Protein backbone atom coordinates (compact mmCIF):
# COMPACT_ATOMS: atom_id res chain seq x y z
CA UNK A 1 -5.05 -18.87 -32.23
CA UNK A 2 -1.71 -17.03 -32.13
CA UNK A 3 -3.39 -13.82 -33.34
CA UNK A 4 -6.06 -14.12 -30.63
CA UNK A 5 -3.39 -14.69 -27.97
CA UNK A 6 -1.42 -11.69 -29.23
CA UNK A 7 -4.56 -9.52 -29.15
CA UNK A 8 -5.30 -10.60 -25.57
CA UNK A 9 -1.75 -9.79 -24.49
CA UNK A 10 -2.04 -6.39 -26.15
CA UNK A 11 -5.25 -5.67 -24.27
CA UNK A 12 -3.66 -6.77 -20.97
CA UNK A 13 -0.81 -4.33 -21.56
CA UNK A 14 -3.25 -1.54 -22.47
CA UNK A 15 -5.31 -2.17 -19.33
CA UNK A 16 -2.16 -2.21 -17.19
CA UNK A 17 -1.00 1.12 -18.68
CA UNK A 18 -4.43 2.73 -18.22
CA UNK A 19 -4.74 1.42 -14.66
CA UNK A 20 -1.30 2.80 -13.85
CA UNK A 21 -2.34 6.20 -15.20
CA UNK A 22 -5.49 6.21 -13.06
CA UNK A 23 -3.44 5.34 -9.97
CA UNK A 24 -0.81 7.98 -10.69
CA UNK A 25 -3.13 10.83 -11.65
CA UNK A 26 -6.37 10.14 -9.74
CA UNK A 27 -4.86 8.80 -6.53
CA UNK A 28 -6.57 5.39 -6.78
CA UNK A 29 -4.73 3.07 -4.39
CA UNK A 30 -6.58 -0.16 -5.18
CA UNK A 31 -5.19 -2.30 -8.00
CA UNK A 32 -8.53 -4.07 -8.38
CA UNK A 33 -10.46 -0.80 -8.74
CA UNK A 34 -7.89 0.68 -11.13
CA UNK A 35 -7.90 -2.35 -13.44
CA UNK A 36 -11.72 -2.51 -13.53
CA UNK A 37 -11.92 1.19 -14.34
CA UNK A 38 -9.26 0.78 -17.03
CA UNK A 39 -11.05 -2.21 -18.55
CA UNK A 40 -14.32 -0.28 -18.74
CA UNK A 41 -12.59 2.76 -20.25
CA UNK A 42 -11.02 0.57 -22.95
CA UNK A 43 -14.20 -1.38 -23.61
CA UNK A 44 -12.56 -4.68 -22.69
CA UNK A 45 -15.07 -7.57 -22.54
CA UNK A 46 -15.78 -9.19 -19.18
CA UNK A 47 -14.03 -12.34 -20.37
CA UNK A 48 -10.81 -10.46 -21.18
CA UNK A 49 -7.97 -11.58 -18.89
CA UNK A 50 -7.07 -8.69 -16.59
CA UNK A 51 -3.41 -7.93 -15.83
CA UNK A 52 -1.92 -9.08 -12.54
CA UNK A 53 -1.15 -6.50 -9.86
CA UNK A 54 2.57 -6.94 -10.55
CA UNK A 55 2.03 -5.91 -14.19
CA UNK A 56 0.21 -2.76 -13.13
CA UNK A 57 2.89 -1.97 -10.56
CA UNK A 58 5.59 -2.20 -13.26
CA UNK A 59 3.53 0.05 -15.52
CA UNK A 60 3.04 2.48 -12.62
CA UNK A 61 6.78 2.73 -11.99
CA UNK A 62 7.34 3.32 -15.72
CA UNK A 63 4.64 5.99 -15.88
CA UNK A 64 6.01 7.89 -12.92
CA UNK A 65 9.58 7.66 -14.16
CA UNK A 66 8.41 9.25 -17.42
CA UNK A 67 5.82 11.80 -16.30
CA UNK A 68 6.44 12.40 -12.58
CA UNK A 69 10.20 12.07 -12.38
CA UNK A 70 10.61 14.98 -9.95
CA UNK A 71 7.39 15.25 -7.95
CA UNK A 72 6.91 11.56 -7.20
CA UNK A 73 10.28 10.88 -5.49
CA UNK A 74 9.73 14.00 -3.37
CA UNK A 75 6.26 12.76 -2.37
CA UNK A 76 7.55 9.31 -1.42
CA UNK A 77 10.45 10.75 0.57
CA UNK A 78 8.09 13.04 2.49
CA UNK A 79 5.62 10.24 3.23
CA UNK A 80 8.41 7.96 4.43
CA UNK A 81 9.65 10.67 6.78
CA UNK A 82 6.15 10.99 8.24
CA UNK A 83 5.84 7.21 8.47
CA UNK A 84 9.16 7.01 10.32
CA UNK A 85 8.03 9.66 12.82
CA UNK A 86 4.79 7.75 13.42
CA UNK A 87 6.71 4.51 13.87
CA UNK A 88 8.98 6.14 16.43
CA UNK A 89 5.94 7.38 18.37
CA UNK A 90 4.38 3.89 18.20
CA UNK A 91 7.63 1.99 18.72
CA UNK A 92 6.44 0.00 21.75
CA UNK A 93 3.77 -1.60 19.56
CA UNK A 94 6.32 -3.11 17.13
CA UNK A 95 5.36 -1.08 14.02
CA UNK A 96 6.01 -2.09 10.41
CA UNK A 97 5.48 0.05 7.32
CA UNK A 98 3.59 -1.58 4.47
CA UNK A 99 1.57 -0.61 1.42
CA UNK A 100 2.24 2.01 -1.30
CA UNK A 101 4.52 4.22 0.81
CA UNK A 102 6.86 1.29 1.33
CA UNK A 103 6.71 0.07 -2.28
CA UNK A 104 7.17 3.58 -3.66
CA UNK A 105 3.89 3.62 -5.61
CA UNK A 106 1.95 5.99 -3.32
CA UNK A 107 -0.21 8.51 -5.14
CA UNK A 108 -1.31 12.03 -4.20
CA UNK A 109 -3.92 10.87 -1.68
CA UNK A 110 -2.17 7.81 -0.29
CA UNK A 111 -2.48 6.64 3.29
CA UNK A 112 0.49 5.67 5.42
CA UNK A 113 -0.16 2.04 6.36
CA UNK A 114 1.38 0.55 9.49
CA UNK A 115 1.03 -2.89 11.04
CA UNK A 116 1.19 -2.99 14.85
CA UNK A 117 1.68 -6.01 17.13
CA UNK A 118 0.97 -4.84 20.70
CA UNK A 119 0.75 -7.14 23.68
CA UNK A 120 -2.78 -5.83 24.23
CA UNK A 121 -4.66 -4.30 21.25
CA UNK A 122 -6.49 -1.91 23.59
CA UNK A 123 -3.14 -0.27 24.39
CA UNK A 124 -3.10 1.31 20.94
CA UNK A 125 -6.50 2.91 21.44
CA UNK A 126 -5.47 4.15 24.89
CA UNK A 127 -2.33 5.65 23.33
CA UNK A 128 -4.44 7.62 20.83
CA UNK A 129 -7.02 8.68 23.40
CA UNK A 130 -4.37 9.94 25.82
CA UNK A 131 -2.95 12.13 23.03
CA UNK A 132 -6.41 13.29 21.95
CA UNK A 133 -5.97 11.87 18.47
CA UNK A 134 -9.45 11.11 17.10
CA UNK A 135 -9.75 7.92 15.09
CA UNK A 136 -12.23 5.67 13.36
CA UNK A 137 -12.20 1.91 13.74
CA UNK A 138 -13.31 -1.01 11.59
CA UNK A 139 -12.68 -4.74 11.39
CA UNK A 140 -10.50 -6.35 8.76
CA UNK A 141 -9.11 -9.74 7.82
CA UNK A 142 -5.70 -10.99 6.82
CA UNK A 143 -4.68 -14.46 5.71
CA UNK A 144 -1.79 -16.88 6.18
CA UNK A 145 -2.32 -20.12 4.35
CA UNK A 146 -5.93 -21.13 5.06
CA UNK A 147 -6.07 -19.36 8.39
CA UNK A 148 -8.00 -16.10 8.77
CA UNK A 149 -6.57 -13.47 11.12
CA UNK A 150 -8.93 -10.86 12.58
CA UNK A 151 -7.47 -7.37 12.67
CA UNK A 152 -8.68 -4.06 14.07
CA UNK A 153 -8.06 -1.15 11.69
CA UNK A 154 -7.76 2.36 13.13
CA UNK A 155 -7.71 5.36 10.80
CA UNK A 156 -6.65 8.86 11.84
CA UNK A 157 -4.86 11.98 10.65
CA UNK A 158 -1.11 12.14 11.31
CA UNK A 159 0.35 15.56 10.52
CA UNK A 160 -2.42 16.11 7.95
CA UNK A 161 -1.84 12.74 6.24
CA UNK A 162 -4.19 9.74 6.65
CA UNK A 163 -2.63 7.06 8.84
CA UNK A 164 -4.04 3.53 8.81
CA UNK A 165 -3.08 1.27 11.72
CA UNK A 166 -3.76 -2.45 11.43
CA UNK A 167 -3.58 -3.89 14.95
CA UNK A 168 -2.71 -7.59 15.11
CA UNK A 169 -2.26 -10.24 17.76
CA UNK A 170 1.43 -10.20 18.82
CA UNK A 171 1.79 -13.84 17.69
CA UNK A 172 1.11 -12.72 14.12
CA UNK A 173 4.34 -10.71 13.97
CA UNK A 174 6.25 -13.80 12.83
CA UNK A 175 3.55 -14.86 10.35
CA UNK A 176 3.60 -14.10 6.62
CA UNK A 177 0.32 -12.23 6.09
CA UNK A 178 -1.71 -11.63 2.93
CA UNK A 179 -4.64 -9.30 2.23
CA UNK A 180 -6.48 -12.06 0.33
CA UNK A 181 -6.37 -15.83 0.64
CA UNK A 182 -4.86 -16.25 -2.83
CA UNK A 183 -2.75 -13.07 -2.87
CA UNK A 184 0.95 -12.59 -2.34
CA UNK A 185 2.56 -12.05 1.05
CA UNK A 186 2.40 -8.43 2.16
CA UNK A 187 5.83 -6.80 2.27
CA UNK A 188 6.68 -4.85 5.40
CA UNK A 189 9.62 -2.96 6.86
CA UNK A 190 10.61 -2.23 10.45
CA UNK A 191 11.95 1.06 11.80
CA UNK A 192 15.59 0.38 10.88
CA UNK A 193 14.63 -0.61 7.33
CA UNK A 194 12.51 2.51 6.87
CA UNK A 195 15.37 4.67 8.16
CA UNK A 196 17.62 3.03 5.55
CA UNK A 197 15.07 3.79 2.81
CA UNK A 198 14.98 7.44 3.88
CA UNK A 199 18.78 7.63 3.79
CA UNK A 200 18.68 6.14 0.31
CA UNK A 201 16.06 8.69 -0.77
CA UNK A 202 18.33 11.50 0.45
CA UNK A 203 21.38 10.02 -1.28
CA UNK A 204 19.60 9.69 -4.64
CA UNK A 205 17.76 13.04 -4.53
CA UNK A 206 18.76 15.42 -7.36
């Protein structure tokens, strides 16, 4: 039994490492997709326990520290600068940065992800139309406890980088939101916090 448990743990670690490599090198930004691809590549059986997202995120930080020690911090710093500029432009909609750019795991093709909480969701679309910024829209869902929150998702190019705007009801600004019902609360940072991250990036740059 102990040997079987040890073998399973070894496979989990191998899947986490492979998933991290796929995310770092291929620009995959979905933990679920990366771990499935890694499991297939390693020939892991369907019943094999897959690593948690947190395990892959740790492996991703380790991979980048070892193999992308110079290019990755520069990429994150640049994306955070662009995110900050977008947040300033969208300041009246109460923007928050979330996703890989905030966590520092963004790959080569990462999107900047912002959450907005306008008084009227249509104001965001009017803002983009007035500035002749073409966008695509789709519907999404977020969760808090057992409650489902509808969200409009607008995707556009911001200074040649994909920008993804999730537009919420203003009452949701004080709610801890998750991307899945059973997932962890999505971390987010306001303008002042992002500015502090940028200052930290500058201070720690080689």
